[in-house]
Amino acid sequence: KSIFWLNGMTGTGKSTISRTVAQLFKD
């Protein structure tokens, strides 16, 4: 699918994962 939705409550590390995959995809 064209969209991958990662959802979770506050403090579960969603933004940390976003930064990680952004760096991975940039690399």
mmCIF file of all heavy atoms, coordinates in Angstrom:
data_MODEL
# 
_entry.id   MODEL 
# 
loop_
_atom_site.group_PDB 
_atom_site.id 
_atom_site.type_symbol 
_atom_site.label_atom_id 
_atom_site.label_alt_id 
_atom_site.label_comp_id 
_atom_site.label_asym_id 
_atom_site.label_entity_id 
_atom_site.label_seq_id 
_atom_site.pdbx_PDB_ins_code 
_atom_site.Cartn_x 
_atom_site.Cartn_y 
_atom_site.Cartn_z 
_atom_site.occupancy 
_atom_site.B_iso_or_equiv 
_atom_site.pdbx_formal_charge 
_atom_site.auth_seq_id 
_atom_site.auth_comp_id 
_atom_site.auth_asym_id 
_atom_site.auth_atom_id 
_atom_site.pdbx_PDB_model_num 
ATOM 1   N N   . LYS A 1 1  ? 0.845  -1.202 0.000  1.00 0.00 ? 1  LYS A N   1 
ATOM 2   C CA  . LYS A 1 1  ? 0.000  0.000  0.000  1.00 0.00 ? 1  LYS A CA  1 
ATOM 3   C C   . LYS A 1 1  ? 0.875  1.245  0.000  1.00 0.00 ? 1  LYS A C   1 
ATOM 4   O O   . LYS A 1 1  ? 2.019  1.223  0.438  1.00 0.00 ? 1  LYS A O   1 
ATOM 5   C CB  . LYS A 1 1  ? -0.922 -0.012 1.210  1.00 0.00 ? 1  LYS A CB  1 
ATOM 6   C CG  . LYS A 1 1  ? -1.905 -1.166 1.140  1.00 0.00 ? 1  LYS A CG  1 
ATOM 7   C CD  . LYS A 1 1  ? -2.974 -1.047 2.176  1.00 0.00 ? 1  LYS A CD  1 
ATOM 8   C CE  . LYS A 1 1  ? -3.882 -2.250 2.029  1.00 0.00 ? 1  LYS A CE  1 
ATOM 9   N NZ  . LYS A 1 1  ? -5.251 -1.976 2.230  1.00 0.00 ? 1  LYS A NZ  1 
ATOM 10  N N   . SER A 1 2  ? 0.296  2.342  -0.461 1.00 0.00 ? 2  SER A N   1 
ATOM 11  C CA  . SER A 1 2  ? 1.082  3.571  -0.600 1.00 0.00 ? 2  SER A CA  1 
ATOM 12  C C   . SER A 1 2  ? 1.312  4.286  0.731  1.00 0.00 ? 2  SER A C   1 
ATOM 13  O O   . SER A 1 2  ? 2.222  5.093  0.839  1.00 0.00 ? 2  SER A O   1 
ATOM 14  C CB  . SER A 1 2  ? 0.409  4.525  -1.592 1.00 0.00 ? 2  SER A CB  1 
ATOM 15  O OG  . SER A 1 2  ? -0.910 4.806  -1.189 1.00 0.00 ? 2  SER A OG  1 
ATOM 16  N N   . ILE A 1 3  ? 0.497  3.979  1.747  1.00 0.00 ? 3  ILE A N   1 
ATOM 17  C CA  . ILE A 1 3  ? 0.661  4.644  3.051  1.00 0.00 ? 3  ILE A CA  1 
ATOM 18  C C   . ILE A 1 3  ? 0.905  3.609  4.140  1.00 0.00 ? 3  ILE A C   1 
ATOM 19  O O   . ILE A 1 3  ? 0.213  2.600  4.216  1.00 0.00 ? 3  ILE A O   1 
ATOM 20  C CB  . ILE A 1 3  ? -0.578 5.488  3.411  1.00 0.00 ? 3  ILE A CB  1 
ATOM 21  C CG1 . ILE A 1 3  ? -0.766 6.612  2.395  1.00 0.00 ? 3  ILE A CG1 1 
ATOM 22  C CG2 . ILE A 1 3  ? -0.446 6.068  4.822  1.00 0.00 ? 3  ILE A CG2 1 
ATOM 23  C CD1 . ILE A 1 3  ? -1.981 7.490  2.652  1.00 0.00 ? 3  ILE A CD1 1 
ATOM 24  N N   . PHE A 1 4  ? 1.910  3.866  4.966  1.00 0.00 ? 4  PHE A N   1 
ATOM 25  C CA  . PHE A 1 4  ? 2.198  3.067  6.160  1.00 0.00 ? 4  PHE A CA  1 
ATOM 26  C C   . PHE A 1 4  ? 1.891  3.979  7.338  1.00 0.00 ? 4  PHE A C   1 
ATOM 27  O O   . PHE A 1 4  ? 2.544  5.014  7.514  1.00 0.00 ? 4  PHE A O   1 
ATOM 28  C CB  . PHE A 1 4  ? 3.667  2.652  6.170  1.00 0.00 ? 4  PHE A CB  1 
ATOM 29  C CG  . PHE A 1 4  ? 4.035  1.666  7.256  1.00 0.00 ? 4  PHE A CG  1 
ATOM 30  C CD1 . PHE A 1 4  ? 4.442  0.391  6.923  1.00 0.00 ? 4  PHE A CD1 1 
ATOM 31  C CD2 . PHE A 1 4  ? 4.002  2.018  8.600  1.00 0.00 ? 4  PHE A CD2 1 
ATOM 32  C CE1 . PHE A 1 4  ? 4.800  -0.521 7.910  1.00 0.00 ? 4  PHE A CE1 1 
ATOM 33  C CE2 . PHE A 1 4  ? 4.348  1.123  9.588  1.00 0.00 ? 4  PHE A CE2 1 
ATOM 34  C CZ  . PHE A 1 4  ? 4.758  -0.156 9.243  1.00 0.00 ? 4  PHE A CZ  1 
ATOM 35  N N   . TRP A 1 5  ? 0.884  3.607  8.139  1.00 0.00 ? 5  TRP A N   1 
ATOM 36  C CA  . TRP A 1 5  ? 0.498  4.427  9.286  1.00 0.00 ? 5  TRP A CA  1 
ATOM 37  C C   . TRP A 1 5  ? 0.975  3.761  10.563 1.00 0.00 ? 5  TRP A C   1 
ATOM 38  O O   . TRP A 1 5  ? 0.515  2.676  10.915 1.00 0.00 ? 5  TRP A O   1 
ATOM 39  C CB  . TRP A 1 5  ? -1.016 4.614  9.323  1.00 0.00 ? 5  TRP A CB  1 
ATOM 40  C CG  . TRP A 1 5  ? -1.525 5.405  10.493 1.00 0.00 ? 5  TRP A CG  1 
ATOM 41  C CD1 . TRP A 1 5  ? -0.936 6.469  11.089 1.00 0.00 ? 5  TRP A CD1 1 
ATOM 42  C CD2 . TRP A 1 5  ? -2.750 5.184  11.197 1.00 0.00 ? 5  TRP A CD2 1 
ATOM 43  N NE1 . TRP A 1 5  ? -1.717 6.939  12.122 1.00 0.00 ? 5  TRP A NE1 1 
ATOM 44  C CE2 . TRP A 1 5  ? -2.839 6.167  12.208 1.00 0.00 ? 5  TRP A CE2 1 
ATOM 45  C CE3 . TRP A 1 5  ? -3.786 4.260  11.067 1.00 0.00 ? 5  TRP A CE3 1 
ATOM 46  C CZ2 . TRP A 1 5  ? -3.902 6.245  13.092 1.00 0.00 ? 5  TRP A CZ2 1 
ATOM 47  C CZ3 . TRP A 1 5  ? -4.852 4.342  11.946 1.00 0.00 ? 5  TRP A CZ3 1 
ATOM 48  C CH2 . TRP A 1 5  ? -4.909 5.330  12.940 1.00 0.00 ? 5  TRP A CH2 1 
ATOM 49  N N   . LEU A 1 6  ? 1.899  4.404  11.254 1.00 0.00 ? 6  LEU A N   1 
ATOM 50  C CA  . LEU A 1 6  ? 2.377  3.954  12.557 1.00 0.00 ? 6  LEU A CA  1 
ATOM 51  C C   . LEU A 1 6  ? 1.683  4.804  13.607 1.00 0.00 ? 6  LEU A C   1 
ATOM 52  O O   . LEU A 1 6  ? 1.861  6.020  13.639 1.00 0.00 ? 6  LEU A O   1 
ATOM 53  C CB  . LEU A 1 6  ? 3.897  4.115  12.657 1.00 0.00 ? 6  LEU A CB  1 
ATOM 54  C CG  . LEU A 1 6  ? 4.524  3.746  14.001 1.00 0.00 ? 6  LEU A CG  1 
ATOM 55  C CD1 . LEU A 1 6  ? 4.363  2.256  14.281 1.00 0.00 ? 6  LEU A CD1 1 
ATOM 56  C CD2 . LEU A 1 6  ? 5.992  4.149  14.031 1.00 0.00 ? 6  LEU A CD2 1 
ATOM 57  N N   . ASN A 1 7  ? 0.856  4.166  14.425 1.00 0.00 ? 7  ASN A N   1 
ATOM 58  C CA  . ASN A 1 7  ? 0.148  4.943  15.447 1.00 0.00 ? 7  ASN A CA  1 
ATOM 59  C C   . ASN A 1 7  ? 0.452  4.383  16.822 1.00 0.00 ? 7  ASN A C   1 
ATOM 60  O O   . ASN A 1 7  ? 0.780  3.215  16.981 1.00 0.00 ? 7  ASN A O   1 
ATOM 61  C CB  . ASN A 1 7  ? -1.356 4.970  15.163 1.00 0.00 ? 7  ASN A CB  1 
ATOM 62  C CG  . ASN A 1 7  ? -1.998 3.617  15.301 1.00 0.00 ? 7  ASN A CG  1 
ATOM 63  O OD1 . ASN A 1 7  ? -2.340 3.204  16.400 1.00 0.00 ? 7  ASN A OD1 1 
ATOM 64  N ND2 . ASN A 1 7  ? -2.176 2.912  14.188 1.00 0.00 ? 7  ASN A ND2 1 
ATOM 65  N N   . GLY A 1 8  ? 0.360  5.249  17.804 1.00 0.00 ? 8  GLY A N   1 
ATOM 66  C CA  . GLY A 1 8  ? 0.603  4.858  19.183 1.00 0.00 ? 8  GLY A CA  1 
ATOM 67  C C   . GLY A 1 8  ? 0.393  6.047  20.089 1.00 0.00 ? 8  GLY A C   1 
ATOM 68  O O   . GLY A 1 8  ? 0.295  7.190  19.637 1.00 0.00 ? 8  GLY A O   1 
ATOM 69  N N   . MET A 1 9  ? 0.313  5.779  21.359 1.00 0.00 ? 9  MET A N   1 
ATOM 70  C CA  . MET A 1 9  ? 0.074  6.840  22.327 1.00 0.00 ? 9  MET A CA  1 
ATOM 71  C C   . MET A 1 9  ? 1.323  7.713  22.487 1.00 0.00 ? 9  MET A C   1 
ATOM 72  O O   . MET A 1 9  ? 2.411  7.343  22.039 1.00 0.00 ? 9  MET A O   1 
ATOM 73  C CB  . MET A 1 9  ? -0.336 6.231  23.676 1.00 0.00 ? 9  MET A CB  1 
ATOM 74  C CG  . MET A 1 9  ? -1.625 5.406  23.608 1.00 0.00 ? 9  MET A CG  1 
ATOM 75  S SD  . MET A 1 9  ? -3.001 6.226  22.775 1.00 0.00 ? 9  MET A SD  1 
ATOM 76  C CE  . MET A 1 9  ? -3.368 7.501  23.968 1.00 0.00 ? 9  MET A CE  1 
ATOM 77  N N   . THR A 1 10 ? 1.148  8.837  23.148 1.00 0.00 ? 10 THR A N   1 
ATOM 78  C CA  . THR A 1 10 ? 2.251  9.759  23.404 1.00 0.00 ? 10 THR A CA  1 
ATOM 79  C C   . THR A 1 10 ? 3.380  9.039  24.144 1.00 0.00 ? 10 THR A C   1 
ATOM 80  O O   . THR A 1 10 ? 3.134  8.279  25.076 1.00 0.00 ? 10 THR A O   1 
ATOM 81  C CB  . THR A 1 10 ? 1.750  10.949 24.251 1.00 0.00 ? 10 THR A CB  1 
ATOM 82  O OG1 . THR A 1 10 ? 0.678  11.578 23.545 1.00 0.00 ? 10 THR A OG1 1 
ATOM 83  C CG2 . THR A 1 10 ? 2.850  11.943 24.512 1.00 0.00 ? 10 THR A CG2 1 
ATOM 84  N N   . GLY A 1 11 ? 4.602  9.280  23.733 1.00 0.00 ? 11 GLY A N   1 
ATOM 85  C CA  . GLY A 1 11 ? 5.760  8.728  24.428 1.00 0.00 ? 11 GLY A CA  1 
ATOM 86  C C   . GLY A 1 11 ? 6.147  7.318  24.024 1.00 0.00 ? 11 GLY A C   1 
ATOM 87  O O   . GLY A 1 11 ? 7.009  6.713  24.650 1.00 0.00 ? 11 GLY A O   1 
ATOM 88  N N   . THR A 1 12 ? 5.540  6.787  22.958 1.00 0.00 ? 12 THR A N   1 
ATOM 89  C CA  . THR A 1 12 ? 5.864  5.413  22.545 1.00 0.00 ? 12 THR A CA  1 
ATOM 90  C C   . THR A 1 12 ? 7.003  5.353  21.531 1.00 0.00 ? 12 THR A C   1 
ATOM 91  O O   . THR A 1 12 ? 7.342  4.271  21.072 1.00 0.00 ? 12 THR A O   1 
ATOM 92  C CB  . THR A 1 12 ? 4.619  4.702  21.975 1.00 0.00 ? 12 THR A CB  1 
ATOM 93  O OG1 . THR A 1 12 ? 4.081  5.475  20.897 1.00 0.00 ? 12 THR A OG1 1 
ATOM 94  C CG2 . THR A 1 12 ? 3.565  4.502  23.052 1.00 0.00 ? 12 THR A CG2 1 
ATOM 95  N N   . GLY A 1 13 ? 7.574  6.490  21.173 1.00 0.00 ? 13 GLY A N   1 
ATOM 96  C CA  . GLY A 1 13 ? 8.746  6.495  20.308 1.00 0.00 ? 13 GLY A CA  1 
ATOM 97  C C   . GLY A 1 13 ? 8.463  6.658  18.826 1.00 0.00 ? 13 GLY A C   1 
ATOM 98  O O   . GLY A 1 13 ? 9.321  6.369  17.991 1.00 0.00 ? 13 GLY A O   1 
ATOM 99  N N   . LYS A 1 14 ? 7.297  7.150  18.469 1.00 0.00 ? 14 LYS A N   1 
ATOM 100 C CA  . LYS A 1 14 ? 6.947  7.295  17.048 1.00 0.00 ? 14 LYS A CA  1 
ATOM 101 C C   . LYS A 1 14 ? 7.896  8.260  16.333 1.00 0.00 ? 14 LYS A C   1 
ATOM 102 O O   . LYS A 1 14 ? 8.349  7.981  15.222 1.00 0.00 ? 14 LYS A O   1 
ATOM 103 C CB  . LYS A 1 14 ? 5.499  7.778  16.910 1.00 0.00 ? 14 LYS A CB  1 
ATOM 104 C CG  . LYS A 1 14 ? 4.469  6.811  17.468 1.00 0.00 ? 14 LYS A CG  1 
ATOM 105 C CD  . LYS A 1 14 ? 3.055  7.332  17.328 1.00 0.00 ? 14 LYS A CD  1 
ATOM 106 C CE  . LYS A 1 14 ? 2.795  8.658  17.996 1.00 0.00 ? 14 LYS A CE  1 
ATOM 107 N NZ  . LYS A 1 14 ? 2.934  8.670  19.460 1.00 0.00 ? 14 LYS A NZ  1 
ATOM 108 N N   . SER A 1 15 ? 8.188  9.392  16.947 1.00 0.00 ? 15 SER A N   1 
ATOM 109 C CA  . SER A 1 15 ? 9.068  10.372 16.296 1.00 0.00 ? 15 SER A CA  1 
ATOM 110 C C   . SER A 1 15 ? 10.498 9.863  16.202 1.00 0.00 ? 15 SER A C   1 
ATOM 111 O O   . SER A 1 15 ? 11.199 10.133 15.224 1.00 0.00 ? 15 SER A O   1 
ATOM 112 C CB  . SER A 1 15 ? 9.023  11.711 17.037 1.00 0.00 ? 15 SER A CB  1 
ATOM 113 O OG  . SER A 1 15 ? 7.746  12.294 16.884 1.00 0.00 ? 15 SER A OG  1 
ATOM 114 N N   . THR A 1 16 ? 10.930 9.126  17.195 1.00 0.00 ? 16 THR A N   1 
ATOM 115 C CA  . THR A 1 16 ? 12.263 8.518  17.143 1.00 0.00 ? 16 THR A CA  1 
ATOM 116 C C   . THR A 1 16 ? 12.343 7.554  15.962 1.00 0.00 ? 16 THR A C   1 
ATOM 117 O O   . THR A 1 16 ? 13.328 7.552  15.214 1.00 0.00 ? 16 THR A O   1 
ATOM 118 C CB  . THR A 1 16 ? 12.570 7.785  18.470 1.00 0.00 ? 16 THR A CB  1 
ATOM 119 O OG1 . THR A 1 16 ? 12.468 8.723  19.543 1.00 0.00 ? 16 THR A OG1 1 
ATOM 120 C CG2 . THR A 1 16 ? 13.954 7.170  18.457 1.00 0.00 ? 16 THR A CG2 1 
ATOM 121 N N   . ILE A 1 17 ? 11.309 6.765  15.778 1.00 0.00 ? 17 ILE A N   1 
ATOM 122 C CA  . ILE A 1 17 ? 11.264 5.844  14.641 1.00 0.00 ? 17 ILE A CA  1 
ATOM 123 C C   . ILE A 1 17 ? 11.228 6.634  13.331 1.00 0.00 ? 17 ILE A C   1 
ATOM 124 O O   . ILE A 1 17 ? 11.929 6.294  12.374 1.00 0.00 ? 17 ILE A O   1 
ATOM 125 C CB  . ILE A 1 17 ? 10.064 4.886  14.765 1.00 0.00 ? 17 ILE A CB  1 
ATOM 126 C CG1 . ILE A 1 17 ? 10.293 3.935  15.942 1.00 0.00 ? 17 ILE A CG1 1 
ATOM 127 C CG2 . ILE A 1 17 ? 9.840  4.101  13.474 1.00 0.00 ? 17 ILE A CG2 1 
ATOM 128 C CD1 . ILE A 1 17 ? 9.067  3.177  16.388 1.00 0.00 ? 17 ILE A CD1 1 
ATOM 129 N N   . SER A 1 18 ? 10.442 7.710  13.288 1.00 0.00 ? 18 SER A N   1 
ATOM 130 C CA  . SER A 1 18 ? 10.374 8.538  12.079 1.00 0.00 ? 18 SER A CA  1 
ATOM 131 C C   . SER A 1 18 ? 11.740 9.089  11.699 1.00 0.00 ? 18 SER A C   1 
ATOM 132 O O   . SER A 1 18 ? 12.125 9.061  10.524 1.00 0.00 ? 18 SER A O   1 
ATOM 133 C CB  . SER A 1 18 ? 9.407  9.705  12.267 1.00 0.00 ? 18 SER A CB  1 
ATOM 134 O OG  . SER A 1 18 ? 8.087  9.274  12.308 1.00 0.00 ? 18 SER A OG  1 
ATOM 135 N N   . ARG A 1 19 ? 12.464 9.611  12.683 1.00 0.00 ? 19 ARG A N   1 
ATOM 136 C CA  . ARG A 1 19 ? 13.797 10.150 12.383 1.00 0.00 ? 19 ARG A CA  1 
ATOM 137 C C   . ARG A 1 19 ? 14.733 9.047  11.908 1.00 0.00 ? 19 ARG A C   1 
ATOM 138 O O   . ARG A 1 19 ? 15.543 9.249  10.996 1.00 0.00 ? 19 ARG A O   1 
ATOM 139 C CB  . ARG A 1 19 ? 14.373 10.848 13.621 1.00 0.00 ? 19 ARG A CB  1 
ATOM 140 C CG  . ARG A 1 19 ? 13.774 12.222 13.873 1.00 0.00 ? 19 ARG A CG  1 
ATOM 141 C CD  . ARG A 1 19 ? 14.488 12.947 15.002 1.00 0.00 ? 19 ARG A CD  1 
ATOM 142 N NE  . ARG A 1 19 ? 14.257 12.329 16.297 1.00 0.00 ? 19 ARG A NE  1 
ATOM 143 C CZ  . ARG A 1 19 ? 13.201 12.571 17.069 1.00 0.00 ? 19 ARG A CZ  1 
ATOM 144 N NH1 . ARG A 1 19 ? 12.284 13.428 16.677 1.00 0.00 ? 19 ARG A NH1 1 
ATOM 145 N NH2 . ARG A 1 19 ? 13.074 11.992 18.237 1.00 0.00 ? 19 ARG A NH2 1 
ATOM 146 N N   . THR A 1 20 ? 14.595 7.865  12.508 1.00 0.00 ? 20 THR A N   1 
ATOM 147 C CA  . THR A 1 20 ? 15.446 6.739  12.125 1.00 0.00 ? 20 THR A CA  1 
ATOM 148 C C   . THR A 1 20 ? 15.182 6.312  10.686 1.00 0.00 ? 20 THR A C   1 
ATOM 149 O O   . THR A 1 20 ? 16.120 6.142  9.899  1.00 0.00 ? 20 THR A O   1 
ATOM 150 C CB  . THR A 1 20 ? 15.225 5.545  13.084 1.00 0.00 ? 20 THR A CB  1 
ATOM 151 O OG1 . THR A 1 20 ? 15.490 5.993  14.420 1.00 0.00 ? 20 THR A OG1 1 
ATOM 152 C CG2 . THR A 1 20 ? 16.125 4.377  12.736 1.00 0.00 ? 20 THR A CG2 1 
ATOM 153 N N   . VAL A 1 21 ? 13.913 6.142  10.332 1.00 0.00 ? 21 VAL A N   1 
ATOM 154 C CA  . VAL A 1 21 ? 13.620 5.696  8.968  1.00 0.00 ? 21 VAL A CA  1 
ATOM 155 C C   . VAL A 1 21 ? 13.902 6.809  7.961  1.00 0.00 ? 21 VAL A C   1 
ATOM 156 O O   . VAL A 1 21 ? 14.317 6.532  6.837  1.00 0.00 ? 21 VAL A O   1 
ATOM 157 C CB  . VAL A 1 21 ? 12.190 5.130  8.811  1.00 0.00 ? 21 VAL A CB  1 
ATOM 158 C CG1 . VAL A 1 21 ? 12.006 3.887  9.645  1.00 0.00 ? 21 VAL A CG1 1 
ATOM 159 C CG2 . VAL A 1 21 ? 11.119 6.140  9.100  1.00 0.00 ? 21 VAL A CG2 1 
ATOM 160 N N   . ALA A 1 22 ? 13.714 8.075  8.368  1.00 0.00 ? 22 ALA A N   1 
ATOM 161 C CA  . ALA A 1 22 ? 14.053 9.173  7.466  1.00 0.00 ? 22 ALA A CA  1 
ATOM 162 C C   . ALA A 1 22 ? 15.548 9.139  7.140  1.00 0.00 ? 22 ALA A C   1 
ATOM 163 O O   . ALA A 1 22 ? 15.943 9.281  5.968  1.00 0.00 ? 22 ALA A O   1 
ATOM 164 C CB  . ALA A 1 22 ? 13.673 10.514 8.086  1.00 0.00 ? 22 ALA A CB  1 
ATOM 165 N N   . GLN A 1 23 ? 16.383 8.937  8.152  1.00 0.00 ? 23 GLN A N   1 
ATOM 166 C CA  . GLN A 1 23 ? 17.824 8.857  7.911  1.00 0.00 ? 23 GLN A CA  1 
ATOM 167 C C   . GLN A 1 23 ? 18.164 7.637  7.057  1.00 0.00 ? 23 GLN A C   1 
ATOM 168 O O   . GLN A 1 23 ? 18.973 7.726  6.130  1.00 0.00 ? 23 GLN A O   1 
ATOM 169 C CB  . GLN A 1 23 ? 18.591 8.795  9.238  1.00 0.00 ? 23 GLN A CB  1 
ATOM 170 C CG  . GLN A 1 23 ? 20.104 8.834  9.067  1.00 0.00 ? 23 GLN A CG  1 
ATOM 171 C CD  . GLN A 1 23 ? 20.578 10.137 8.456  1.00 0.00 ? 23 GLN A CD  1 
ATOM 172 O OE1 . GLN A 1 23 ? 20.322 11.209 9.005  1.00 0.00 ? 23 GLN A OE1 1 
ATOM 173 N NE2 . GLN A 1 23 ? 21.262 10.072 7.320  1.00 0.00 ? 23 GLN A NE2 1 
ATOM 174 N N   . LEU A 1 24 ? 17.526 6.512  7.354  1.00 0.00 ? 24 LEU A N   1 
ATOM 175 C CA  . LEU A 1 24 ? 17.747 5.287  6.572  1.00 0.00 ? 24 LEU A CA  1 
ATOM 176 C C   . LEU A 1 24 ? 17.393 5.508  5.107  1.00 0.00 ? 24 LEU A C   1 
ATOM 177 O O   . LEU A 1 24 ? 18.174 5.180  4.210  1.00 0.00 ? 24 LEU A O   1 
ATOM 178 C CB  . LEU A 1 24 ? 16.896 4.156  7.154  1.00 0.00 ? 24 LEU A CB  1 
ATOM 179 C CG  . LEU A 1 24 ? 16.841 2.862  6.347  1.00 0.00 ? 24 LEU A CG  1 
ATOM 180 C CD1 . LEU A 1 24 ? 18.134 2.081  6.505  1.00 0.00 ? 24 LEU A CD1 1 
ATOM 181 C CD2 . LEU A 1 24 ? 15.653 2.021  6.777  1.00 0.00 ? 24 LEU A CD2 1 
ATOM 182 N N   . PHE A 1 25 ? 16.210 6.098  4.856  1.00 0.00 ? 25 PHE A N   1 
ATOM 183 C CA  . PHE A 1 25 ? 15.795 6.321  3.468  1.00 0.00 ? 25 PHE A CA  1 
ATOM 184 C C   . PHE A 1 25 ? 16.651 7.387  2.790  1.00 0.00 ? 25 PHE A C   1 
ATOM 185 O O   . PHE A 1 25 ? 16.908 7.313  1.591  1.00 0.00 ? 25 PHE A O   1 
ATOM 186 C CB  . PHE A 1 25 ? 14.309 6.692  3.402  1.00 0.00 ? 25 PHE A CB  1 
ATOM 187 C CG  . PHE A 1 25 ? 13.398 5.560  3.809  1.00 0.00 ? 25 PHE A CG  1 
ATOM 188 C CD1 . PHE A 1 25 ? 12.251 5.809  4.537  1.00 0.00 ? 25 PHE A CD1 1 
ATOM 189 C CD2 . PHE A 1 25 ? 13.684 4.245  3.471  1.00 0.00 ? 25 PHE A CD2 1 
ATOM 190 C CE1 . PHE A 1 25 ? 11.404 4.774  4.917  1.00 0.00 ? 25 PHE A CE1 1 
ATOM 191 C CE2 . PHE A 1 25 ? 12.855 3.205  3.846  1.00 0.00 ? 25 PHE A CE2 1 
ATOM 192 C CZ  . PHE A 1 25 ? 11.708 3.464  4.568  1.00 0.00 ? 25 PHE A CZ  1 
ATOM 193 N N   . LYS A 1 26 ? 17.109 8.375  3.548  1.00 0.00 ? 26 LYS A N   1 
ATOM 194 C CA  . LYS A 1 26 ? 18.017 9.375  2.973  1.00 0.00 ? 26 LYS A CA  1 
ATOM 195 C C   . LYS A 1 26 ? 19.320 8.696  2.542  1.00 0.00 ? 26 LYS A C   1 
ATOM 196 O O   . LYS A 1 26 ? 19.826 8.941  1.440  1.00 0.00 ? 26 LYS A O   1 
ATOM 197 C CB  . LYS A 1 26 ? 18.302 10.486 3.979  1.00 0.00 ? 26 LYS A CB  1 
ATOM 198 C CG  . LYS A 1 26 ? 19.210 11.565 3.425  1.00 0.00 ? 26 LYS A CG  1 
ATOM 199 C CD  . LYS A 1 26 ? 19.483 12.662 4.433  1.00 0.00 ? 26 LYS A CD  1 
ATOM 200 C CE  . LYS A 1 26 ? 20.413 13.712 3.841  1.00 0.00 ? 26 LYS A CE  1 
ATOM 201 N NZ  . LYS A 1 26 ? 20.756 14.752 4.816  1.00 0.00 ? 26 LYS A NZ  1 
ATOM 202 N N   . ASP A 1 27 ? 19.843 7.835  3.397  1.00 0.00 ? 27 ASP A N   1 
ATOM 203 C CA  . ASP A 1 27 ? 21.076 7.123  3.069  1.00 0.00 ? 27 ASP A CA  1 
ATOM 204 C C   . ASP A 1 27 ? 20.911 6.239  1.841  1.00 0.00 ? 27 ASP A C   1 
ATOM 205 O O   . ASP A 1 27 ? 21.853 6.054  1.068  1.00 0.00 ? 27 ASP A O   1 
ATOM 206 C CB  . ASP A 1 27 ? 21.544 6.269  4.255  1.00 0.00 ? 27 ASP A CB  1 
ATOM 207 C CG  . ASP A 1 27 ? 21.973 7.111  5.452  1.00 0.00 ? 27 ASP A CG  1 
ATOM 208 O OD1 . ASP A 1 27 ? 22.180 8.335  5.295  1.00 0.00 ? 27 ASP A OD1 1 
ATOM 209 O OD2 . ASP A 1 27 ? 22.078 6.540  6.567  1.00 0.00 ? 27 ASP A OD2 1 
# 
